[in-house]
Amino acid sequence: MSENQDPCLFCQIVAGDLPAEIVGQTERSVAFKDIAPQAPMHLLVVPREHFGDIAQLAAADPALLADMIELADNLAGENADGQFRLVFNSGPRAGQSVFHVHGHVIGGAELGWTPA
C-alpha cells in the first residue's frame, strides 16, 4: 500500500467497516489480532484517530500515544505475563505497509533479538 492509501485500512477496521478480531479498546485506541502473527501473541494497537506514523502521533498527541501503550501493557498482562515487545515501524524502508500508526504487541514466547 502506498503512503497515500485511500481509504485507510485501519480507519476502516476502527469504523467497523472491515472485520478484525478486536481484543481490547479504550475510548481512543483499538487492539486487534494481527492477520499474520509472528508470535503466540501478536496484536496491533492503533489510535482511533488517523496519524501516519509514530513521530506524527508523538508530536501531535503524546497522551494518545500513552493510551496506546497502556492498552498494549494491559493486553500483554492478560496474554503474555506482562512481558512483550512493542514495535512501531515508521516509513516504508522500516517495514511500515499501512500508513496509520500502529504498534505491534508481540509476546507469549521467548523473544530473541532478530533484526530485520
PDB file of N, CA and C in Angstrom:
ATOM      1  N   MET A   1       0.838  -1.187   0.000  1.00  0.00           N
ATOM      2  CA  MET A   1       0.000   0.000   0.000  1.00  0.00           C
ATOM      3  C   MET A   1       0.873   1.236   0.000  1.00  0.00           C
ATOM      4  N   SER A   2       0.388   2.263  -0.580  1.00  0.00           N
ATOM      5  CA  SER A   2       1.167   3.495  -0.631  1.00  0.00           C
ATOM      6  C   SER A   2       0.852   4.363   0.575  1.00  0.00           C
ATOM      7  N   GLU A   3       1.711   5.342   0.793  1.00  0.00           N
ATOM      8  CA  GLU A   3       1.507   6.260   1.911  1.00  0.00           C
ATOM      9  C   GLU A   3       0.215   7.054   1.724  1.00  0.00           C
ATOM     10  N   ASN A   4      -0.249   7.183   0.498  1.00  0.00           N
ATOM     11  CA  ASN A   4      -1.469   7.933   0.207  1.00  0.00           C
ATOM     12  C   ASN A   4      -2.679   7.020   0.057  1.00  0.00           C
ATOM     13  N   GLN A   5      -2.625   5.839   0.678  1.00  0.00           N
ATOM     14  CA  GLN A   5      -3.722   4.897   0.510  1.00  0.00           C
ATOM     15  C   GLN A   5      -5.040   5.527   0.919  1.00  0.00           C
ATOM     16  N   ASP A   6      -6.066   5.225   0.131  1.00  0.00           N
ATOM     17  CA  ASP A   6      -7.384   5.771   0.406  1.00  0.00           C
ATOM     18  C   ASP A   6      -8.396   4.734  -0.017  1.00  0.00           C
ATOM     19  N   PRO A   7      -9.266   4.288   0.801  1.00  0.00           N
ATOM     20  CA  PRO A   7      -9.374   4.630   2.212  1.00  0.00           C
ATOM     21  C   PRO A   7      -8.395   3.826   3.066  1.00  0.00           C
ATOM     22  N   CYS A   8      -8.107   4.330   4.241  1.00  0.00           N
ATOM     23  CA  CYS A   8      -7.136   3.712   5.140  1.00  0.00           C
ATOM     24  C   CYS A   8      -7.697   2.406   5.718  1.00  0.00           C
ATOM     25  N   LEU A   9      -6.933   1.339   5.599  1.00  0.00           N
ATOM     26  CA  LEU A   9      -7.321   0.024   6.087  1.00  0.00           C
ATOM     27  C   LEU A   9      -7.670   0.052   7.573  1.00  0.00           C
ATOM     28  N   PHE A  10      -6.809   0.649   8.398  1.00  0.00           N
ATOM     29  CA  PHE A  10      -7.047   0.653   9.841  1.00  0.00           C
ATOM     30  C   PHE A  10      -8.193   1.586  10.226  1.00  0.00           C
ATOM     31  N   CYS A  11      -8.385   2.674   9.489  1.00  0.00           N
ATOM     32  CA  CYS A  11      -9.553   3.527   9.746  1.00  0.00           C
ATOM     33  C   CYS A  11     -10.835   2.737   9.482  1.00  0.00           C
ATOM     34  N   GLN A  12     -10.822   1.892   8.451  1.00  0.00           N
ATOM     35  CA  GLN A  12     -11.994   1.069   8.145  1.00  0.00           C
ATOM     36  C   GLN A  12     -12.246   0.038   9.243  1.00  0.00           C
ATOM     37  N   ILE A  13     -11.174  -0.555   9.790  1.00  0.00           N
ATOM     38  CA  ILE A  13     -11.328  -1.509  10.896  1.00  0.00           C
ATOM     39  C   ILE A  13     -11.889  -0.794  12.120  1.00  0.00           C
ATOM     40  N   VAL A  14     -11.323   0.352  12.464  1.00  0.00           N
ATOM     41  CA  VAL A  14     -11.786   1.122  13.624  1.00  0.00           C
ATOM     42  C   VAL A  14     -13.263   1.488  13.469  1.00  0.00           C
ATOM     43  N   ALA A  15     -13.680   1.831  12.255  1.00  0.00           N
ATOM     44  CA  ALA A  15     -15.067   2.218  11.998  1.00  0.00           C
ATOM     45  C   ALA A  15     -16.014   1.024  11.981  1.00  0.00           C
ATOM     46  N   GLY A  16     -15.458  -0.196  11.953  1.00  0.00           N
ATOM     47  CA  GLY A  16     -16.293  -1.391  11.884  1.00  0.00           C
ATOM     48  C   GLY A  16     -16.691  -1.761  10.473  1.00  0.00           C
ATOM     49  N   ASP A  17     -16.089  -1.120   9.481  1.00  0.00           N
ATOM     50  CA  ASP A  17     -16.408  -1.398   8.082  1.00  0.00           C
ATOM     51  C   ASP A  17     -15.662  -2.615   7.537  1.00  0.00           C
ATOM     52  N   LEU A  18     -14.574  -3.010   8.170  1.00  0.00           N
ATOM     53  CA  LEU A  18     -13.837  -4.220   7.815  1.00  0.00           C
ATOM     54  C   LEU A  18     -13.715  -5.085   9.058  1.00  0.00           C
ATOM     55  N   PRO A  19     -13.776  -6.411   8.886  1.00  0.00           N
ATOM     56  CA  PRO A  19     -13.704  -7.282  10.054  1.00  0.00           C
ATOM     57  C   PRO A  19     -12.285  -7.369  10.621  1.00  0.00           C
ATOM     58  N   ALA A  20     -12.222  -7.526  11.925  1.00  0.00           N
ATOM     59  CA  ALA A  20     -10.965  -7.773  12.635  1.00  0.00           C
ATOM     60  C   ALA A  20     -11.342  -8.404  13.969  1.00  0.00           C
ATOM     61  N   GLU A  21     -10.445  -9.190  14.520  1.00  0.00           N
ATOM     62  CA  GLU A  21     -10.696  -9.795  15.825  1.00  0.00           C
ATOM     63  C   GLU A  21     -10.240  -8.820  16.902  1.00  0.00           C
ATOM     64  N   ILE A  22     -11.159  -7.969  17.344  1.00  0.00           N
ATOM     65  CA  ILE A  22     -10.873  -6.945  18.348  1.00  0.00           C
ATOM     66  C   ILE A  22     -10.658  -7.642  19.692  1.00  0.00           C
ATOM     67  N   VAL A  23      -9.547  -7.306  20.350  1.00  0.00           N
ATOM     68  CA  VAL A  23      -9.233  -7.936  21.647  1.00  0.00           C
ATOM     69  C   VAL A  23      -9.231  -6.938  22.794  1.00  0.00           C
ATOM     70  N   GLY A  24      -9.305  -5.661  22.497  1.00  0.00           N
ATOM     71  CA  GLY A  24      -9.342  -4.644  23.538  1.00  0.00           C
ATOM     72  C   GLY A  24      -9.522  -3.276  22.921  1.00  0.00           C
ATOM     73  N   GLN A  25     -10.022  -2.354  23.740  1.00  0.00           N
ATOM     74  CA  GLN A  25     -10.182  -0.996  23.247  1.00  0.00           C
ATOM     75  C   GLN A  25     -10.354  -0.027  24.403  1.00  0.00           C
ATOM     76  N   THR A  26     -10.058   1.201  24.108  1.00  0.00           N
ATOM     77  CA  THR A  26     -10.317   2.304  25.019  1.00  0.00           C
ATOM     78  C   THR A  26     -11.137   3.317  24.229  1.00  0.00           C
ATOM     79  N   GLU A  27     -11.415   4.427  24.838  1.00  0.00           N
ATOM     80  CA  GLU A  27     -12.131   5.481  24.125  1.00  0.00           C
ATOM     81  C   GLU A  27     -11.332   5.978  22.919  1.00  0.00           C
ATOM     82  N   ARG A  28      -9.986   5.868  22.997  1.00  0.00           N
ATOM     83  CA  ARG A  28      -9.130   6.452  21.954  1.00  0.00           C
ATOM     84  C   ARG A  28      -8.335   5.459  21.127  1.00  0.00           C
ATOM     85  N   SER A  29      -8.274   4.183  21.546  1.00  0.00           N
ATOM     86  CA  SER A  29      -7.429   3.189  20.873  1.00  0.00           C
ATOM     87  C   SER A  29      -8.166   1.868  20.717  1.00  0.00           C
ATOM     88  N   VAL A  30      -7.728   1.080  19.729  1.00  0.00           N
ATOM     89  CA  VAL A  30      -8.305  -0.232  19.460  1.00  0.00           C
ATOM     90  C   VAL A  30      -7.164  -1.223  19.254  1.00  0.00           C
ATOM     91  N   ALA A  31      -7.339  -2.438  19.769  1.00  0.00           N
ATOM     92  CA  ALA A  31      -6.351  -3.501  19.572  1.00  0.00           C
ATOM     93  C   ALA A  31      -7.033  -4.699  18.928  1.00  0.00           C
ATOM     94  N   PHE A  32      -6.340  -5.297  17.962  1.00  0.00           N
ATOM     95  CA  PHE A  32      -6.876  -6.472  17.285  1.00  0.00           C
ATOM     96  C   PHE A  32      -5.736  -7.412  16.914  1.00  0.00           C
ATOM     97  N   LYS A  33      -6.096  -8.669  16.641  1.00  0.00           N
ATOM     98  CA  LYS A  33      -5.089  -9.670  16.307  1.00  0.00           C
ATOM     99  C   LYS A  33      -4.512  -9.394  14.923  1.00  0.00           C
ATOM    100  N   ASP A  34      -3.193  -9.574  14.796  1.00  0.00           N
ATOM    101  CA  ASP A  34      -2.516  -9.452  13.510  1.00  0.00           C
ATOM    102  C   ASP A  34      -2.928 -10.631  12.635  1.00  0.00           C
ATOM    103  N   ILE A  35      -3.133 -10.396  11.346  1.00  0.00           N
ATOM    104  CA  ILE A  35      -3.556 -11.483  10.460  1.00  0.00           C
ATOM    105  C   ILE A  35      -2.410 -12.419  10.075  1.00  0.00           C
ATOM    106  N   ALA A  36      -1.180 -12.025  10.346  1.00  0.00           N
ATOM    107  CA  ALA A  36      -0.012 -12.868  10.071  1.00  0.00           C
ATOM    108  C   ALA A  36       0.884 -12.869  11.318  1.00  0.00           C
ATOM    109  N   PRO A  37       0.431 -13.522  12.398  1.00  0.00           N
ATOM    110  CA  PRO A  37       1.159 -13.438  13.674  1.00  0.00           C
ATOM    111  C   PRO A  37       2.576 -13.992  13.601  1.00  0.00           C
ATOM    112  N   GLN A  38       3.489 -13.312  14.299  1.00  0.00           N
ATOM    113  CA  GLN A  38       4.886 -13.708  14.374  1.00  0.00           C
ATOM    114  C   GLN A  38       5.244 -14.323  15.725  1.00  0.00           C
ATOM    115  N   ALA A  39       4.270 -14.425  16.621  1.00  0.00           N
ATOM    116  CA  ALA A  39       4.464 -14.986  17.965  1.00  0.00           C
ATOM    117  C   ALA A  39       3.088 -15.422  18.471  1.00  0.00           C
ATOM    118  N   PRO A  40       3.051 -16.201  19.571  1.00  0.00           N
ATOM    119  CA  PRO A  40       1.747 -16.619  20.103  1.00  0.00           C
ATOM    120  C   PRO A  40       0.801 -15.443  20.371  1.00  0.00           C
ATOM    121  N   MET A  41       1.338 -14.322  20.839  1.00  0.00           N
ATOM    122  CA  MET A  41       0.540 -13.108  20.965  1.00  0.00           C
ATOM    123  C   MET A  41       1.137 -12.088  19.999  1.00  0.00           C
ATOM    124  N   HIS A  42       0.362 -11.714  19.003  1.00  0.00           N
ATOM    125  CA  HIS A  42       0.779 -10.669  18.072  1.00  0.00           C
ATOM    126  C   HIS A  42      -0.461  -9.833  17.780  1.00  0.00           C
ATOM    127  N   LEU A  43      -0.519  -8.693  18.442  1.00  0.00           N
ATOM    128  CA  LEU A  43      -1.653  -7.784  18.337  1.00  0.00           C
ATOM    129  C   LEU A  43      -1.201  -6.481  17.701  1.00  0.00           C
ATOM    130  N   LEU A  44      -2.130  -5.759  17.140  1.00  0.00           N
ATOM    131  CA  LEU A  44      -1.879  -4.410  16.654  1.00  0.00           C
ATOM    132  C   LEU A  44      -2.699  -3.456  17.500  1.00  0.00           C
ATOM    133  N   VAL A  45      -2.070  -2.390  17.962  1.00  0.00           N
ATOM    134  CA  VAL A  45      -2.758  -1.345  18.700  1.00  0.00           C
ATOM    135  C   VAL A  45      -2.713  -0.091  17.839  1.00  0.00           C
ATOM    136  N   VAL A  46      -3.892   0.465  17.567  1.00  0.00           N
ATOM    137  CA  VAL A  46      -3.997   1.638  16.697  1.00  0.00           C
ATOM    138  C   VAL A  46      -4.826   2.714  17.382  1.00  0.00           C
ATOM    139  N   PRO A  47      -4.524   3.971  17.100  1.00  0.00           N
ATOM    140  CA  PRO A  47      -5.411   5.025  17.598  1.00  0.00           C
ATOM    141  C   PRO A  47      -6.651   5.095  16.718  1.00  0.00           C
ATOM    142  N   ARG A  48      -7.753   5.502  17.303  1.00  0.00           N
ATOM    143  CA  ARG A  48      -8.979   5.680  16.510  1.00  0.00           C
ATOM    144  C   ARG A  48      -8.809   6.822  15.512  1.00  0.00           C
ATOM    145  N   GLU A  49      -8.037   7.831  15.892  1.00  0.00           N
ATOM    146  CA  GLU A  49      -7.755   8.974  15.022  1.00  0.00           C
ATOM    147  C   GLU A  49      -6.583   8.625  14.117  1.00  0.00           C
ATOM    148  N   HIS A  50      -6.633   9.073  12.877  1.00  0.00           N
ATOM    149  CA  HIS A  50      -5.587   8.741  11.910  1.00  0.00           C
ATOM    150  C   HIS A  50      -4.345   9.626  12.073  1.00  0.00           C
ATOM    151  N   PHE A  51      -3.205   8.970  12.239  1.00  0.00           N
ATOM    152  CA  PHE A  51      -1.878   9.599  12.174  1.00  0.00           C
ATOM    153  C   PHE A  51      -1.031   8.682  11.313  1.00  0.00           C
ATOM    154  N   GLY A  52      -0.192   9.230  10.464  1.00  0.00           N
ATOM    155  CA  GLY A  52       0.583   8.430   9.527  1.00  0.00           C
ATOM    156  C   GLY A  52       1.635   7.546  10.165  1.00  0.00           C
ATOM    157  N   ASP A  53       2.333   8.064  11.174  1.00  0.00           N
ATOM    158  CA  ASP A  53       3.386   7.262  11.800  1.00  0.00           C
ATOM    159  C   ASP A  53       3.578   7.696  13.254  1.00  0.00           C
ATOM    160  N   ILE A  54       4.450   7.005  13.944  1.00  0.00           N
ATOM    161  CA  ILE A  54       4.658   7.220  15.377  1.00  0.00           C
ATOM    162  C   ILE A  54       5.179   8.622  15.679  1.00  0.00           C
ATOM    163  N   ALA A  55       6.035   9.161  14.823  1.00  0.00           N
ATOM    164  CA  ALA A  55       6.575  10.502  15.068  1.00  0.00           C
ATOM    165  C   ALA A  55       5.474  11.562  14.968  1.00  0.00           C
ATOM    166  N   GLN A  56       4.598  11.422  13.988  1.00  0.00           N
ATOM    167  CA  GLN A  56       3.480  12.358  13.846  1.00  0.00           C
ATOM    168  C   GLN A  56       2.574  12.296  15.074  1.00  0.00           C
ATOM    169  N   LEU A  57       2.276  11.092  15.530  1.00  0.00           N
ATOM    170  CA  LEU A  57       1.422  10.928  16.699  1.00  0.00           C
ATOM    171  C   LEU A  57       2.074  11.526  17.942  1.00  0.00           C
ATOM    172  N   ALA A  58       3.334  11.196  18.184  1.00  0.00           N
ATOM    173  CA  ALA A  58       4.028  11.675  19.381  1.00  0.00           C
ATOM    174  C   ALA A  58       4.082  13.206  19.419  1.00  0.00           C
ATOM    175  N   ALA A  59       4.289  13.820  18.264  1.00  0.00           N
ATOM    176  CA  ALA A  59       4.357  15.283  18.209  1.00  0.00           C
ATOM    177  C   ALA A  59       2.983  15.921  18.425  1.00  0.00           C
ATOM    178  N   ALA A  60       1.948  15.285  17.897  1.00  0.00           N
ATOM    179  CA  ALA A  60       0.616  15.891  17.932  1.00  0.00           C
ATOM    180  C   ALA A  60      -0.159  15.580  19.208  1.00  0.00           C
ATOM    181  N   ASP A  61       0.013  14.370  19.761  1.00  0.00           N
ATOM    182  CA  ASP A  61      -0.853  13.958  20.869  1.00  0.00           C
ATOM    183  C   ASP A  61      -0.165  12.909  21.743  1.00  0.00           C
ATOM    184  N   PRO A  62       0.793  13.325  22.571  1.00  0.00           N
ATOM    185  CA  PRO A  62       1.508  12.364  23.421  1.00  0.00           C
ATOM    186  C   PRO A  62       0.575  11.568  24.337  1.00  0.00           C
ATOM    187  N   ALA A  63      -0.530  12.157  24.762  1.00  0.00           N
ATOM    188  CA  ALA A  63      -1.471  11.436  25.635  1.00  0.00           C
ATOM    189  C   ALA A  63      -2.113  10.267  24.899  1.00  0.00           C
ATOM    190  N   LEU A  64      -2.355  10.417  23.613  1.00  0.00           N
ATOM    191  CA  LEU A  64      -2.907   9.315  22.819  1.00  0.00           C
ATOM    192  C   LEU A  64      -1.884   8.195  22.687  1.00  0.00           C
ATOM    193  N   LEU A  65      -0.631   8.545  22.491  1.00  0.00           N
ATOM    194  CA  LEU A  65       0.426   7.528  22.450  1.00  0.00           C
ATOM    195  C   LEU A  65       0.482   6.784  23.785  1.00  0.00           C
ATOM    196  N   ALA A  66       0.381   7.498  24.884  1.00  0.00           N
ATOM    197  CA  ALA A  66       0.373   6.859  26.206  1.00  0.00           C
ATOM    198  C   ALA A  66      -0.824   5.926  26.352  1.00  0.00           C
ATOM    199  N   ASP A  67      -1.972   6.312  25.823  1.00  0.00           N
ATOM    200  CA  ASP A  67      -3.165   5.462  25.860  1.00  0.00           C
ATOM    201  C   ASP A  67      -2.915   4.157  25.106  1.00  0.00           C
ATOM    202  N   MET A  68      -2.299   4.244  23.947  1.00  0.00           N
ATOM    203  CA  MET A  68      -1.986   3.042  23.163  1.00  0.00           C
ATOM    204  C   MET A  68      -1.050   2.115  23.934  1.00  0.00           C
ATOM    205  N   ILE A  69      -0.032   2.697  24.576  1.00  0.00           N
ATOM    206  CA  ILE A  69       0.936   1.892  25.315  1.00  0.00           C
ATOM    207  C   ILE A  69       0.284   1.258  26.538  1.00  0.00           C
ATOM    208  N   GLU A  70      -0.592   1.976  27.201  1.00  0.00           N
ATOM    209  CA  GLU A  70      -1.298   1.403  28.339  1.00  0.00           C
ATOM    210  C   GLU A  70      -2.189   0.236  27.905  1.00  0.00           C
ATOM    211  N   LEU A  71      -2.872   0.375  26.778  1.00  0.00           N
ATOM    212  CA  LEU A  71      -3.690  -0.718  26.256  1.00  0.00           C
ATOM    213  C   LEU A  71      -2.809  -1.918  25.923  1.00  0.00           C
ATOM    214  N   ALA A  72      -1.669  -1.687  25.286  1.00  0.00           N
ATOM    215  CA  ALA A  72      -0.742  -2.777  24.969  1.00  0.00           C
ATOM    216  C   ALA A  72      -0.285  -3.488  26.236  1.00  0.00           C
ATOM    217  N   ASP A  73       0.064  -2.722  27.245  1.00  0.00           N
ATOM    218  CA  ASP A  73       0.523  -3.294  28.514  1.00  0.00           C
ATOM    219  C   ASP A  73      -0.578  -4.119  29.174  1.00  0.00           C
ATOM    220  N   ASN A  74      -1.797  -3.617  29.189  1.00  0.00           N
ATOM    221  CA  ASN A  74      -2.915  -4.354  29.781  1.00  0.00           C
ATOM    222  C   ASN A  74      -3.152  -5.667  29.053  1.00  0.00           C
ATOM    223  N   LEU A  75      -3.124  -5.645  27.743  1.00  0.00           N
ATOM    224  CA  LEU A  75      -3.348  -6.871  26.970  1.00  0.00           C
ATOM    225  C   LEU A  75      -2.209  -7.855  27.149  1.00  0.00           C
ATOM    226  N   ALA A  76      -0.986  -7.363  27.234  1.00  0.00           N
ATOM    227  CA  ALA A  76       0.155  -8.250  27.473  1.00  0.00           C
ATOM    228  C   ALA A  76       0.059  -8.874  28.860  1.00  0.00           C
ATOM    229  N   GLY A  77      -0.466  -8.136  29.826  1.00  0.00           N
ATOM    230  CA  GLY A  77      -0.669  -8.685  31.156  1.00  0.00           C
ATOM    231  C   GLY A  77      -1.662  -9.833  31.139  1.00  0.00           C
ATOM    232  N   GLU A  78      -2.672  -9.726  30.290  1.00  0.00           N
ATOM    233  CA  GLU A  78      -3.687 -10.771  30.176  1.00  0.00           C
ATOM    234  C   GLU A  78      -3.217 -11.956  29.352  1.00  0.00           C
ATOM    235  N   ASN A  79      -2.330 -11.722  28.386  1.00  0.00           N
ATOM    236  CA  ASN A  79      -1.994 -12.747  27.400  1.00  0.00           C
ATOM    237  C   ASN A  79      -0.546 -13.218  27.401  1.00  0.00           C
ATOM    238  N   ALA A  80       0.347 -12.534  28.088  1.00  0.00           N
ATOM    239  CA  ALA A  80       1.766 -12.880  27.985  1.00  0.00           C
ATOM    240  C   ALA A  80       2.525 -12.575  29.266  1.00  0.00           C
ATOM    241  N   ASP A  81       1.891 -12.750  30.426  1.00  0.00           N
ATOM    242  CA  ASP A  81       2.538 -12.497  31.712  1.00  0.00           C
ATOM    243  C   ASP A  81       3.164 -11.109  31.792  1.00  0.00           C
ATOM    244  N   GLY A  82       2.610 -10.153  31.047  1.00  0.00           N
ATOM    245  CA  GLY A  82       3.116  -8.786  31.101  1.00  0.00           C
ATOM    246  C   GLY A  82       4.442  -8.580  30.407  1.00  0.00           C
ATOM    247  N   GLN A  83       4.923  -9.600  29.706  1.00  0.00           N
ATOM    248  CA  GLN A  83       6.208  -9.480  29.005  1.00  0.00           C
ATOM    249  C   GLN A  83       5.931  -9.399  27.509  1.00  0.00           C
ATOM    250  N   PHE A  84       6.408  -8.338  26.898  1.00  0.00           N
ATOM    251  CA  PHE A  84       6.090  -8.135  25.489  1.00  0.00           C
ATOM    252  C   PHE A  84       7.104  -7.220  24.829  1.00  0.00           C
ATOM    253  N   ARG A  85       7.059  -7.247  23.532  1.00  0.00           N
ATOM    254  CA  ARG A  85       7.830  -6.319  22.709  1.00  0.00           C
ATOM    255  C   ARG A  85       6.812  -5.423  22.009  1.00  0.00           C
ATOM    256  N   LEU A  86       7.073  -4.130  21.977  1.00  0.00           N
ATOM    257  CA  LEU A  86       6.202  -3.179  21.295  1.00  0.00           C
ATOM    258  C   LEU A  86       7.017  -2.535  20.180  1.00  0.00           C
ATOM    259  N   VAL A  87       6.602  -2.760  18.932  1.00  0.00           N
ATOM    260  CA  VAL A  87       7.367  -2.315  17.772  1.00  0.00           C
ATOM    261  C   VAL A  87       6.516  -1.378  16.925  1.00  0.00           C
ATOM    262  N   PHE A  88       7.083  -0.233  16.596  1.00  0.00           N
ATOM    263  CA  PHE A  88       6.462   0.703  15.657  1.00  0.00           C
ATOM    264  C   PHE A  88       7.385   0.824  14.450  1.00  0.00           C
ATOM    265  N   ASN A  89       6.920   0.445  13.278  1.00  0.00           N
ATOM    266  CA  ASN A  89       7.667   0.667  12.045  1.00  0.00           C
ATOM    267  C   ASN A  89       7.271   2.043  11.526  1.00  0.00           C
ATOM    268  N   SER A  90       8.238   2.832  11.142  1.00  0.00           N
ATOM    269  CA  SER A  90       7.962   4.188  10.694  1.00  0.00           C
ATOM    270  C   SER A  90       8.574   4.410   9.314  1.00  0.00           C
ATOM    271  N   GLY A  91       7.728   4.343   8.295  1.00  0.00           N
ATOM    272  CA  GLY A  91       8.154   4.539   6.916  1.00  0.00           C
ATOM    273  C   GLY A  91       8.326   3.225   6.178  1.00  0.00           C
ATOM    274  N   PRO A  92       8.203   3.271   4.863  1.00  0.00           N
ATOM    275  CA  PRO A  92       8.256   2.048   4.065  1.00  0.00           C
ATOM    276  C   PRO A  92       9.588   1.302   4.146  1.00  0.00           C
ATOM    277  N   ARG A  93      10.714   2.017   4.241  1.00  0.00           N
ATOM    278  CA  ARG A  93      12.005   1.331   4.342  1.00  0.00           C
ATOM    279  C   ARG A  93      12.193   0.656   5.688  1.00  0.00           C
ATOM    280  N   ALA A  94      11.387   1.037   6.683  1.00  0.00           N
ATOM    281  CA  ALA A  94      11.440   0.405   8.005  1.00  0.00           C
ATOM    282  C   ALA A  94      10.412  -0.720   8.129  1.00  0.00           C
ATOM    283  N   GLY A  95       9.661  -0.975   7.061  1.00  0.00           N
ATOM    284  CA  GLY A  95       8.702  -2.061   7.072  1.00  0.00           C
ATOM    285  C   GLY A  95       7.260  -1.648   7.269  1.00  0.00           C
ATOM    286  N   GLN A  96       6.986  -0.346   7.356  1.00  0.00           N
ATOM    287  CA  GLN A  96       5.596   0.088   7.515  1.00  0.00           C
ATOM    288  C   GLN A  96       4.868  -0.092   6.187  1.00  0.00           C
ATOM    289  N   SER A  97       3.757  -0.829   6.219  1.00  0.00           N
ATOM    290  CA  SER A  97       2.988  -1.058   4.991  1.00  0.00           C
ATOM    291  C   SER A  97       1.583  -0.463   5.064  1.00  0.00           C
ATOM    292  N   VAL A  98       1.095  -0.183   6.253  1.00  0.00           N
ATOM    293  CA  VAL A  98      -0.174   0.522   6.432  1.00  0.00           C
ATOM    294  C   VAL A  98       0.177   1.838   7.116  1.00  0.00           C
ATOM    295  N   PHE A  99      -0.163   2.942   6.476  1.00  0.00           N
ATOM    296  CA  PHE A  99       0.292   4.243   6.942  1.00  0.00           C
ATOM    297  C   PHE A  99      -0.735   4.920   7.843  1.00  0.00           C
ATOM    298  N   HIS A 100      -1.109   4.144   8.861  1.00  0.00           N
ATOM    299  CA  HIS A 100      -1.888   4.580  10.022  1.00  0.00           C
ATOM    300  C   HIS A 100      -1.080   4.018  11.178  1.00  0.00           C
ATOM    301  N   VAL A 101      -0.551   4.872  12.041  1.00  0.00           N
ATOM    302  CA  VAL A 101       0.357   4.412  13.084  1.00  0.00           C
ATOM    303  C   VAL A 101      -0.237   3.211  13.814  1.00  0.00           C
ATOM    304  N   HIS A 102       0.612   2.217  14.043  1.00  0.00           N
ATOM    305  CA  HIS A 102       0.185   1.024  14.772  1.00  0.00           C
ATOM    306  C   HIS A 102       1.389   0.400  15.451  1.00  0.00           C
ATOM    307  N   GLY A 103       1.147  -0.061  16.673  1.00  0.00           N
ATOM    308  CA  GLY A 103       2.178  -0.759  17.416  1.00  0.00           C
ATOM    309  C   GLY A 103       1.921  -2.255  17.368  1.00  0.00           C
ATOM    310  N   HIS A 104       2.961  -3.016  17.071  1.00  0.00           N
ATOM    311  CA  HIS A 104       2.891  -4.474  17.117  1.00  0.00           C
ATOM    312  C   HIS A 104       3.207  -4.891  18.548  1.00  0.00           C
ATOM    313  N   VAL A 105       2.275  -5.547  19.201  1.00  0.00           N
ATOM    314  CA  VAL A 105       2.454  -6.044  20.561  1.00  0.00           C
ATOM    315  C   VAL A 105       2.732  -7.531  20.427  1.00  0.00           C
ATOM    316  N   ILE A 106       3.975  -7.936  20.723  1.00  0.00           N
ATOM    317  CA  ILE A 106       4.424  -9.294  20.452  1.00  0.00           C
ATOM    318  C   ILE A 106       4.897  -9.928  21.753  1.00  0.00           C
ATOM    319  N   GLY A 107       4.441 -11.153  22.025  1.00  0.00           N
ATOM    320  CA  GLY A 107       4.856 -11.844  23.241  1.00  0.00           C
ATOM    321  C   GLY A 107       4.294 -13.249  23.285  1.00  0.00           C
ATOM    322  N   GLY A 108       4.356 -13.824  24.466  1.00  0.00           N
ATOM    323  CA  GLY A 108       3.845 -15.171  24.658  1.00  0.00           C
ATOM    324  C   GLY A 108       4.856 -16.260  24.408  1.00  0.00           C
ATOM    325  N   ALA A 109       6.104 -15.879  24.132  1.00  0.00           N
ATOM    326  CA  ALA A 109       7.186 -16.826  23.883  1.00  0.00           C
ATOM    327  C   ALA A 109       8.502 -16.127  24.158  1.00  0.00           C
ATOM    328  N   GLU A 110       9.560 -16.896  24.264  1.00  0.00           N
ATOM    329  CA  GLU A 110      10.905 -16.325  24.383  1.00  0.00           C
ATOM    330  C   GLU A 110      11.213 -15.586  23.090  1.00  0.00           C
ATOM    331  N   LEU A 111      11.514 -14.297  23.195  1.00  0.00           N
ATOM    332  CA  LEU A 111      11.779 -13.484  22.017  1.00  0.00           C
ATOM    333  C   LEU A 111      13.258 -13.168  21.937  1.00  0.00           C
ATOM    334  N   GLY A 112      13.909 -13.688  20.935  1.00  0.00           N
ATOM    335  CA  GLY A 112      15.302 -13.351  20.711  1.00  0.00           C
ATOM    336  C   GLY A 112      15.391 -12.075  19.898  1.00  0.00           C
ATOM    337  N   TRP A 113      16.564 -11.503  19.830  1.00  0.00           N
ATOM    338  CA  TRP A 113      16.765 -10.307  19.018  1.00  0.00           C
ATOM    339  C   TRP A 113      16.964 -10.749  17.590  1.00  0.00           C
ATOM    340  N   THR A 114      16.089 -10.325  16.698  1.00  0.00           N
ATOM    341  CA  THR A 114      16.170 -10.697  15.288  1.00  0.00           C
ATOM    342  C   THR A 114      16.021  -9.453  14.435  1.00  0.00           C
ATOM    343  N   PRO A 115      17.113  -8.720  14.229  1.00  0.00           N
ATOM    344  CA  PRO A 115      17.000  -7.506  13.403  1.00  0.00           C
ATOM    345  C   PRO A 115      16.597  -7.855  11.982  1.00  0.00           C
ATOM    346  N   ALA A 116      15.798  -7.001  11.390  1.00  0.00           N
ATOM    347  CA  ALA A 116      15.305  -7.236  10.032  1.00  0.00           C
ATOM    348  C   ALA A 116      16.360  -6.902   9.011  1.00  0.00           C
TER     349      ALA A 116
END
